[in-house]
Protein backbone atom coordinates (compact mmCIF):
# COMPACT_ATOMS: atom_id res chain seq x y z
CA MET A 1 73.75 119.48 98.92
CA ARG A 2 73.82 123.02 97.56
CA ALA A 3 71.07 124.26 95.58
CA GLY A 4 71.30 124.59 91.83
CA ARG A 5 72.34 127.92 90.33
CA ALA A 6 71.33 129.00 86.59
CA ARG A 7 73.89 130.93 84.62
CA THR A 8 74.32 131.99 81.12
CA LEU A 9 77.03 129.92 79.16
CA PRO A 10 79.66 132.76 77.87
CA GLY A 11 79.16 132.74 74.12
CA SER A 12 76.22 131.27 73.75
CA SER A 13 73.89 132.80 71.39
CA THR A 14 70.53 131.15 72.56
CA SER A 15 71.58 132.52 76.16
CA LYS A 16 70.15 128.98 77.70
CA PRO A 17 70.69 128.47 81.17
CA GLU A 18 73.43 126.19 82.16
CA ILE A 19 72.10 124.26 85.49
CA VAL A 20 75.21 123.46 87.83
CA THR A 21 74.38 121.42 90.74
CA GLU A 22 77.37 120.76 93.25
CA ARG A 23 77.11 117.96 95.96
CA LYS A 24 80.16 117.35 98.42
CA CYS A 25 80.46 115.36 101.31
CA GLU A 26 83.04 116.73 104.02
CA PRO A 27 85.91 114.55 104.93
CA LYS A 28 85.88 112.49 108.15
CA PHE A 29 88.75 113.03 110.38
CA ASP A 30 90.21 110.86 112.91
CA SER A 31 92.41 112.77 115.17
CA ARG A 32 94.31 109.48 116.01
CA GLN A 33 95.45 109.90 112.37
CA SER A 34 96.06 113.30 111.53
CA SER A 35 99.01 112.43 109.45
CA GLN A 36 96.71 110.43 107.18
CA ARG A 37 93.68 111.44 105.05
CA ARG A 38 91.15 108.78 105.05
CA ALA A 39 90.67 108.31 101.19
CA TYR A 40 87.30 106.85 101.60
CA GLY A 41 86.03 109.62 103.49
CA TYR A 42 86.01 112.16 101.07
CA LEU A 43 84.13 112.24 97.95
CA GLY A 44 83.50 115.38 95.60
CA ALA A 45 81.03 115.06 92.59
CA VAL A 46 79.91 117.86 90.08
CA ALA A 47 77.14 117.21 87.74
CA ARG A 48 76.25 119.62 84.83
CA ILE A 49 73.67 120.05 82.52
CA VAL A 50 74.75 122.03 79.43
CA PRO A 51 72.78 123.15 76.04
CA VAL A 52 72.37 120.62 73.17
CA GLY A 53 75.36 120.60 70.97
CA GLN A 54 77.88 121.96 73.38
CA LYS A 55 80.49 119.35 74.41
CA ARG A 56 82.07 119.00 77.97
CA ASN A 57 85.00 116.86 77.95
CA THR A 58 85.98 117.45 81.50
CA ILE A 59 85.90 114.52 83.89
CA PHE A 60 86.17 115.09 87.81
CA ALA A 61 87.55 112.30 89.57
CA PRO A 62 86.60 111.87 93.22
CA ARG A 63 89.38 113.30 95.48
CA GLY A 64 89.74 109.97 97.49
CA ILE A 65 90.62 108.27 94.42
CA GLN A 66 93.30 111.09 93.76
CA TYR A 67 95.02 110.86 97.00
CA SER A 68 95.07 107.14 96.49
CA MET A 69 96.86 107.76 93.40
CA ARG A 70 98.95 110.11 94.89
CA LYS A 71 99.77 107.62 97.34
CA ARG A 72 100.56 104.60 95.40
CA SER A 73 102.70 107.02 92.74
CA GLY A 74 104.86 107.98 95.74
CA ILE A 75 105.23 104.52 97.09
CA ILE A 76 106.40 103.15 93.52
CA GLY A 77 108.53 106.16 93.22
CA PHE A 78 110.13 105.33 96.82
CA ALA A 79 110.50 101.76 95.87
CA VAL A 80 112.21 102.54 92.42
CA VAL A 81 114.83 104.83 94.52
CA VAL A 82 115.50 102.42 97.17
CA GLN A 83 116.02 99.43 94.55
CA SER A 84 118.18 101.81 92.11
CA ILE A 85 120.56 102.25 95.33
CA LEU A 86 120.48 98.55 96.15
CA PHE A 87 121.57 97.72 92.60
CA LEU A 88 124.29 100.09 92.51
CA THR A 89 125.60 98.99 96.02
CA HIS A 90 125.81 95.08 94.81
CA TYR A 91 127.29 96.22 91.57
CA PHE A 92 130.08 98.25 93.58
CA ILE A 93 131.01 95.40 96.03
CA TYR A 94 130.98 92.80 92.75
CA LYS A 95 133.12 94.92 91.08
CA THR A 96 135.48 95.53 93.67
CA TRP A 97 135.70 91.83 94.16
CA THR A 98 136.27 90.95 90.61
CA PHE A 99 138.53 93.75 89.68
CA SER A 100 141.97 91.64 90.44
CA PRO A 101 141.92 87.86 89.40
CA ALA A 102 142.14 86.05 92.49
CA THR A 103 143.75 82.73 93.45
CA SER A 104 140.62 81.21 93.80
CA ASP A 105 137.99 80.44 91.14
CA VAL A 106 135.35 82.22 93.20
CA ALA A 107 135.76 85.68 91.48
CA THR A 108 135.31 84.18 87.79
CA SER A 109 132.51 81.49 88.82
CA PRO A 110 129.54 81.66 86.54
CA TRP A 111 126.81 81.68 89.37
CA LEU A 112 128.38 84.48 91.17
CA PRO A 113 126.60 87.28 89.17
CA ALA A 114 123.48 85.46 89.17
CA VAL A 115 123.52 85.07 93.23
CA VAL A 116 124.13 89.02 93.36
CA ALA A 117 121.53 89.95 91.13
CA ILE A 118 119.13 87.70 93.35
CA LEU A 119 120.57 89.28 96.70
CA SER A 120 120.14 92.75 95.11
CA VAL A 121 116.54 92.44 94.89
CA SER A 122 115.88 90.27 98.08
CA PHE A 123 114.93 93.00 100.35
CA LEU A 124 112.61 94.95 98.83
CA ALA A 125 110.86 91.80 97.47
CA ALA A 126 110.59 90.15 100.87
CA THR A 127 109.61 93.71 102.50
CA LEU A 128 106.79 93.86 99.82
CA LEU A 129 105.63 90.69 100.65
CA ALA A 130 105.91 91.12 104.51
CA PHE A 131 103.30 93.91 104.30
CA ARG A 132 100.65 91.42 102.81
CA TYR A 133 101.47 87.99 104.18
CA SER A 134 102.36 86.17 107.12
CA ASN A 135 103.59 82.95 106.85
CA PRO A 136 106.66 80.92 107.70
CA VAL A 137 107.96 80.98 104.06
CA VAL A 138 107.38 84.72 104.12
CA ARG A 139 108.92 85.11 107.51
CA THR A 140 112.05 83.07 106.45
CA LEU A 141 112.52 85.12 103.29
CA TYR A 142 112.39 88.34 105.01
CA ARG A 143 114.61 87.41 107.82
CA ILE A 144 117.29 86.21 105.22
CA ALA A 145 116.87 89.59 103.43
CA ALA A 146 117.05 91.59 106.40
CA VAL A 147 120.27 90.05 107.78
CA TRP A 148 121.81 90.20 104.33
CA LEU A 149 120.82 93.87 104.09
CA GLY A 150 122.96 94.53 107.21
CA ILE A 151 126.11 92.70 106.19
CA LEU A 152 125.88 94.51 102.72
CA SER A 153 126.23 97.73 104.50
CA PHE A 154 129.65 96.56 106.16
CA LEU A 155 130.64 95.13 102.63
CA PHE A 156 130.05 98.35 101.04
CA LEU A 157 132.18 99.94 103.61
CA ALA A 158 134.78 97.25 102.88
CA ALA A 159 134.75 97.98 99.12
CA ALA A 160 135.18 101.40 99.61
CA GLY A 161 138.03 101.06 102.25
CA SER A 162 139.92 98.65 99.82
CA TRP A 163 140.37 100.74 97.34
CA ILE A 164 141.70 103.50 99.80
CA VAL A 165 143.89 100.91 101.32
CA PHE A 166 145.16 99.88 97.93
CA GLY A 167 146.25 103.59 96.94
CA VAL A 168 147.91 104.06 100.47
CA THR A 169 149.99 100.69 99.74
CA GLN A 170 150.91 101.79 96.31
CA LEU A 171 151.99 105.18 97.52
CA ALA A 172 154.03 103.68 100.10
CA GLY A 173 155.62 100.90 97.58
CA ALA A 174 154.15 98.04 99.87
CA ASN A 175 154.07 94.52 97.63
CA VAL A 176 150.35 93.97 98.29
CA THR A 177 147.67 92.59 95.61
CA PHE A 178 144.44 94.58 95.34
CA HIS A 179 142.51 91.24 95.97
CA GLN A 180 144.32 90.37 99.03
CA ILE A 181 143.00 93.39 100.46
CA VAL A 182 139.57 92.95 99.40
CA GLU A 183 139.59 89.34 100.95
CA VAL A 184 140.73 90.48 104.35
CA LEU A 185 138.12 93.40 104.54
CA TYR A 186 135.13 91.64 102.85
CA ALA A 187 135.83 88.68 105.57
CA ALA A 188 136.23 91.55 108.22
CA ALA A 189 132.59 92.96 107.17
CA VAL A 190 130.86 89.61 107.13
CA VAL A 191 132.31 89.04 110.94
CA CYS A 192 130.85 92.30 111.76
CA GLY A 193 127.64 91.35 110.35
CA ILE A 194 127.39 88.13 112.42
CA ALA A 195 128.84 89.56 115.72
CA GLY A 196 126.01 92.50 115.13
CA VAL A 197 123.17 89.70 114.88
CA LEU A 198 124.45 88.28 118.07
CA ASN A 199 124.67 91.61 120.03
CA ALA A 200 121.31 92.40 118.73
CA GLY A 201 119.97 89.31 120.61
CA TRP A 202 121.44 90.24 123.97
CA THR A 203 119.36 92.14 125.77
CA ARG A 204 120.63 94.24 128.56
CA ILE A 205 119.45 95.65 131.80
CA ARG A 206 119.95 99.03 132.80
CA TRP A 207 119.52 100.91 136.13
CA ILE A 208 119.28 104.69 136.30
CA THR A 209 118.68 106.68 139.28
CA VAL A 210 116.26 109.76 138.89
CA ARG A 211 115.89 112.60 141.28
CA LEU A 212 112.64 114.59 140.51
CA GLU A 213 111.83 117.84 142.27
CA ASN A 214 108.29 117.81 143.83
CA LEU A 215 108.34 114.15 143.65
CA PRO A 216 105.31 112.36 145.86
CA GLU A 217 106.90 111.15 149.02
CA SER A 218 105.29 107.79 148.30
CA TRP A 219 107.40 107.59 145.00
CA LYS A 220 110.51 107.69 146.78
CA GLY A 221 112.30 104.47 146.58
CA ARG A 222 109.89 103.17 143.72
CA LYS A 223 110.78 101.95 140.46
CA ALA A 224 109.26 102.05 137.15
CA ALA A 225 110.46 100.04 133.70
CA LEU A 226 110.91 101.50 130.37
CA VAL A 227 110.54 99.39 127.18
CA SER A 228 110.36 100.71 123.60
CA ASP A 229 110.80 99.63 120.03
CA LEU A 230 110.11 96.13 120.07
CA HIS A 231 108.91 96.15 116.51
CA LEU A 232 107.02 92.99 116.44
CA GLY A 233 106.72 91.43 112.88
CA HIS A 234 108.48 88.88 110.90
CA VAL A 235 111.88 88.99 112.81
CA ARG A 236 110.38 89.17 116.08
CA ASN A 237 107.11 87.94 117.34
CA GLY A 238 105.15 87.19 120.24
CA GLY A 239 107.75 84.86 121.74
CA PHE A 240 110.11 87.76 121.69
CA LEU A 241 107.72 89.79 123.66
CA ARG A 242 107.27 86.95 126.22
CA ARG A 243 110.89 86.91 127.08
CA ILE A 244 110.97 90.82 127.27
CA VAL A 245 108.02 90.60 129.75
CA ALA A 246 109.53 87.99 131.87
CA LYS A 247 112.66 90.16 132.15
CA VAL A 248 110.75 92.89 133.32
CA MET A 249 108.56 91.10 135.61
CA ILE A 250 111.50 89.81 137.47
CA GLU A 251 112.13 93.19 138.85
CA LYS A 252 108.64 93.60 139.93
CA PRO A 253 108.46 97.37 138.78
CA ASP A 254 105.73 99.87 140.07
CA ALA A 255 104.99 101.01 136.92
CA VAL A 256 105.81 100.20 133.13
CA PHE A 257 105.99 102.28 130.43
CA LEU A 258 105.67 101.34 126.71
CA ALA A 259 107.09 103.77 124.71
CA GLY A 260 105.82 102.81 121.30
CA ASP A 261 106.98 100.85 118.11
CA LEU A 262 105.72 97.76 119.54
CA TYR A 263 104.60 96.56 116.19
CA ASP A 264 106.96 96.93 113.00
CA GLY A 265 104.18 97.86 110.54
CA THR A 266 104.18 94.22 108.70
CA ALA A 267 101.60 92.12 108.32
CA ILE A 268 100.68 90.25 111.67
CA ASP A 269 98.00 89.02 113.96
CA ALA A 270 98.19 92.08 116.23
CA ALA A 271 96.25 90.49 119.09
CA ARG A 272 97.82 87.20 119.18
CA ALA A 273 101.34 89.04 119.32
CA ALA A 274 100.23 91.31 122.13
CA GLU A 275 99.09 88.53 124.29
CA PRO A 276 102.03 88.61 126.45
CA LEU A 277 101.33 91.89 127.36
CA ARG A 278 98.83 90.34 129.63
CA ASP A 279 101.34 89.30 132.33
CA LEU A 280 102.88 92.79 132.29
CA ARG A 281 101.28 94.00 135.47
CA ALA A 282 102.33 96.68 137.62
CA PRO A 283 100.76 98.23 140.97
CA HIS A 284 100.51 101.76 139.33
CA GLY A 285 99.77 100.71 135.83
CA THR A 286 101.30 99.84 132.36
CA TYR A 287 100.93 102.54 129.81
CA PHE A 288 101.39 102.56 126.12
CA VAL A 289 101.84 105.06 123.42
CA ALA A 290 101.86 104.71 119.73
CA GLY A 291 105.26 105.08 118.02
CA ASN A 292 105.66 105.96 114.17
CA HIS A 293 105.59 102.36 112.99
CA GLU A 294 102.18 101.72 114.44
CA GLN A 295 100.80 104.91 112.48
CA PHE A 296 102.10 104.23 109.19
CA GLY A 297 98.39 103.94 108.39
CA ASP A 298 95.37 103.14 110.67
CA ASP A 299 96.65 102.46 114.07
CA SER A 300 93.25 101.37 115.72
CA ARG A 301 93.70 97.67 115.12
CA TYR A 302 97.57 97.90 117.04
CA LEU A 303 95.63 100.10 119.63
CA ARG A 304 92.78 97.67 120.45
CA ALA A 305 95.07 94.98 120.68
CA VAL A 306 97.25 96.60 123.25
CA ALA A 307 94.31 97.63 125.06
CA GLY A 308 92.69 94.02 124.79
CA ALA A 309 95.72 92.79 126.65
CA GLY A 310 94.99 95.04 129.62
CA VAL A 311 97.48 98.03 128.96
CA ARG A 312 96.58 101.31 129.24
CA VAL A 313 96.54 103.33 125.98
CA LEU A 314 97.53 107.00 126.64
CA HIS A 315 96.16 109.39 123.79
CA ASN A 316 96.85 112.93 124.70
CA GLU A 317 95.85 112.53 128.30
CA LYS A 318 96.99 112.52 131.98
CA VAL A 319 96.83 109.91 134.64
CA ASP A 320 97.56 110.47 138.14
CA ALA A 321 99.48 107.51 139.79
CA ASP A 322 99.63 108.19 143.22
CA GLN A 323 99.98 111.88 143.13
CA LEU A 324 102.45 111.15 140.12
CA GLN A 325 101.14 112.59 136.72
CA ILE A 326 101.75 110.36 133.99
CA VAL A 327 101.38 112.07 130.53
CA GLY A 328 101.03 110.35 127.14
CA VAL A 329 101.22 111.70 123.64
CA PRO A 330 101.34 109.50 120.61
CA TYR A 331 103.96 110.28 117.87
CA ASN A 332 101.94 112.10 115.27
CA HIS A 333 100.62 114.73 117.83
CA ALA A 334 104.43 115.22 118.78
CA LEU A 335 105.70 116.10 115.44
CA HIS A 336 105.04 119.98 115.07
CA ASP A 337 106.08 122.70 118.01
CA ASP A 338 102.68 124.36 118.01
CA HIS A 339 100.50 121.38 117.99
CA PHE A 340 102.84 119.40 120.57
CA ARG A 341 102.54 122.74 122.79
CA SER A 342 98.72 122.82 122.19
CA VAL A 343 98.04 119.20 123.15
CA LEU A 344 100.42 119.51 126.19
CA ARG A 345 98.30 122.48 127.45
CA GLN A 346 95.31 121.07 126.76
CA ILE A 347 96.09 118.13 128.97
CA GLY A 348 97.12 120.66 131.75
CA VAL A 349 100.15 119.53 133.82
CA ASP A 350 100.41 120.85 137.36
CA ARG A 351 103.86 122.32 137.55
CA SER A 352 103.53 122.13 141.25
CA ARG A 353 103.70 118.14 141.10
CA ALA A 354 106.39 115.94 139.35
CA SER A 355 105.45 114.65 135.89
CA ILE A 356 106.71 112.02 133.52
CA LEU A 357 105.97 112.13 129.89
CA LEU A 358 105.79 109.21 127.78
CA THR A 359 106.19 110.17 123.96
CA HIS A 360 107.71 108.02 121.32
CA ALA A 361 110.52 110.28 119.88
CA PRO A 362 113.00 112.68 121.49
CA ASP A 363 112.13 115.29 118.55
CA ARG A 364 110.68 118.28 120.94
CA PRO A 365 112.15 118.22 124.29
CA HIS A 366 112.49 121.89 124.47
CA ILE A 367 108.65 121.93 124.24
CA ALA A 368 108.05 119.77 127.21
CA GLU A 369 110.28 121.62 129.26
CA LYS A 370 108.55 124.80 128.90
CA GLU A 371 105.16 123.04 129.55
CA GLY A 372 106.50 121.77 132.97
CA ILE A 373 107.38 118.25 132.28
CA SER A 374 109.61 116.72 134.72
CA LEU A 375 110.97 113.64 132.87
CA GLN A 376 110.35 112.79 129.23
CA VAL A 377 110.90 108.99 128.46
CA SER A 378 111.05 108.08 124.80
CA GLY A 379 112.69 105.52 122.28
CA HIS A 380 112.69 105.47 118.64
CA THR A 381 116.40 106.61 117.54
CA HIS A 382 117.79 102.75 118.15
CA VAL A 383 121.03 104.90 118.28
CA GLY A 384 121.27 104.07 114.62
CA GLN A 385 121.63 100.15 115.48
CA PHE A 386 125.14 99.97 113.47
CA PHE A 387 127.56 102.37 111.51
CA PRO A 388 127.19 104.31 109.66
CA TRP A 389 123.74 104.96 110.88
CA THR A 390 124.69 105.18 114.49
CA TRP A 391 126.68 108.38 113.29
CA MET A 392 123.87 109.88 111.48
CA ALA A 393 121.40 109.28 114.46
CA ARG A 394 123.97 111.19 116.57
CA ARG A 395 124.14 113.91 114.35
CA ILE A 396 120.48 114.14 114.11
CA TYR A 397 119.69 114.22 117.75
CA ARG A 398 122.97 115.10 119.58
CA GLN A 399 122.78 114.84 123.42
CA PHE A 400 119.33 113.21 122.96
CA VAL A 401 120.19 110.60 120.98
CA TYR A 402 120.63 108.14 124.02
CA GLY A 403 120.79 107.84 127.64
CA LEU A 404 119.74 110.34 130.30
CA SER A 405 120.40 114.28 129.50
CA ARG A 406 119.03 117.21 130.69
CA ILE A 407 117.42 120.45 129.10
CA GLY A 408 116.64 123.41 131.64
CA THR A 409 114.69 121.87 134.54
CA MET A 410 113.57 118.68 132.60
CA LEU A 411 115.24 115.31 132.42
CA ILE A 412 114.96 113.34 129.39
CA TYR A 413 115.76 109.60 128.76
CA THR A 414 116.09 108.15 125.41
CA SER A 415 116.16 104.15 125.03
CA SER A 416 118.02 102.53 122.46
CA GLY A 417 115.09 100.01 122.25
CA ALA A 418 114.85 96.29 122.79
CA GLY A 419 114.17 95.41 119.48
CA THR A 420 115.54 96.31 115.66
CA TRP A 421 114.35 97.40 112.54
CA GLY A 422 115.09 96.54 109.25
CA PRO A 423 118.48 94.40 109.80
CA PRO A 424 118.37 92.63 113.19
CA LEU A 425 121.95 93.74 113.71
CA ARG A 426 123.43 96.08 116.65
CA LEU A 427 127.21 97.11 116.58
CA GLY A 428 127.84 100.37 118.49
CA SER A 429 124.37 100.40 120.25
CA SER A 430 122.69 97.63 122.56
CA PRO A 431 119.28 96.38 122.95
CA GLU A 432 118.02 97.17 126.66
CA ILE A 433 115.47 97.16 128.98
CA VAL A 434 115.43 100.35 131.34
CA PHE A 435 114.56 100.60 135.36
CA PHE A 436 114.27 104.04 136.82
CA GLN A 437 114.98 104.02 140.71
CA PHE A 438 113.13 107.27 141.93
CA GLU A 439 114.82 109.15 144.69
């Protein structure tokens, strides 16, 4: 509380003082949530006493409320943009299908526009419900809408391709009707969608041989498992995690790394979903760092659930596992060069010994390399899951989008992940569990 101060109001003939009292509570800041202002942790209030007869109409809103309003308006704006894109995409696919009369009556059926309209709002509606509710009805609706969103991507490409192929056939003088082209390409799109769903459910086991300088003799011949991006939520839940844990434990790894996005961010009983992690045991520890999906909001309930299942949650810290340094930095502390560099320097990596950095995304490997890390293990990219997002992911992350690569003296492995986000489809990428064999 600051003491009141008296000052003369401008233009006041009576020169009566205005008493201004200000009270401010500084914001509470949780270092684990650097990307989020805690709206309820900051209140600003200003009380003023003015001479009789003079009006003051200014209303001072608490800053926490202002932040909450800005956040809500941002979410609404984002939802409007996404829904507009979905409307336009469905409209384009529908108009391409109905452009040329078909031999069947599907194109002119009165129910088709209604079905397309419902499908166009299905994913956004299911997503909004999924963030608030967790029950069998919502989970079923979300799964159907998510699969449809993936097939929609292929149908959009098929619709665009239909016009291109039709133009080429017309130039070539081929006797092919437009709707014949549409039928073939739309059928191919649906087949791709189904294949993508089946492929996303087939988890591969990858073995990677890693040679690290200054690796302790005790670690030569040992193995470690890497699992990332399970995205537990309405599509995949504790049953999926239980199957992944069983696959990992068959190989009896000496250490296990969980590279974030264990949760999808939708409504879920976090502790119950994490229960299978109790069976994920390794002689030299099981380690977890938070990903961006845990840190959409308050990540504390996820971290408590993971720690409660017996997994070591690493937060800007280093653990010595039989002379091997294991470093963990969560997603929101590895977003910016300067902060990431500062975190690694505070951790204090011993350059004379081998080290493994566990962080969610392969965003800044050049920083990790300069700070003396031997091997970075990450996930996050999903390799885009399916085209055209696979192309976009490769454009963004380039050589670090997937697999083992090198930058300077540091190795980096980016996993494609075990689960999926959004559409439960993979085409052009595969879900995986990775095992490192140290030499």
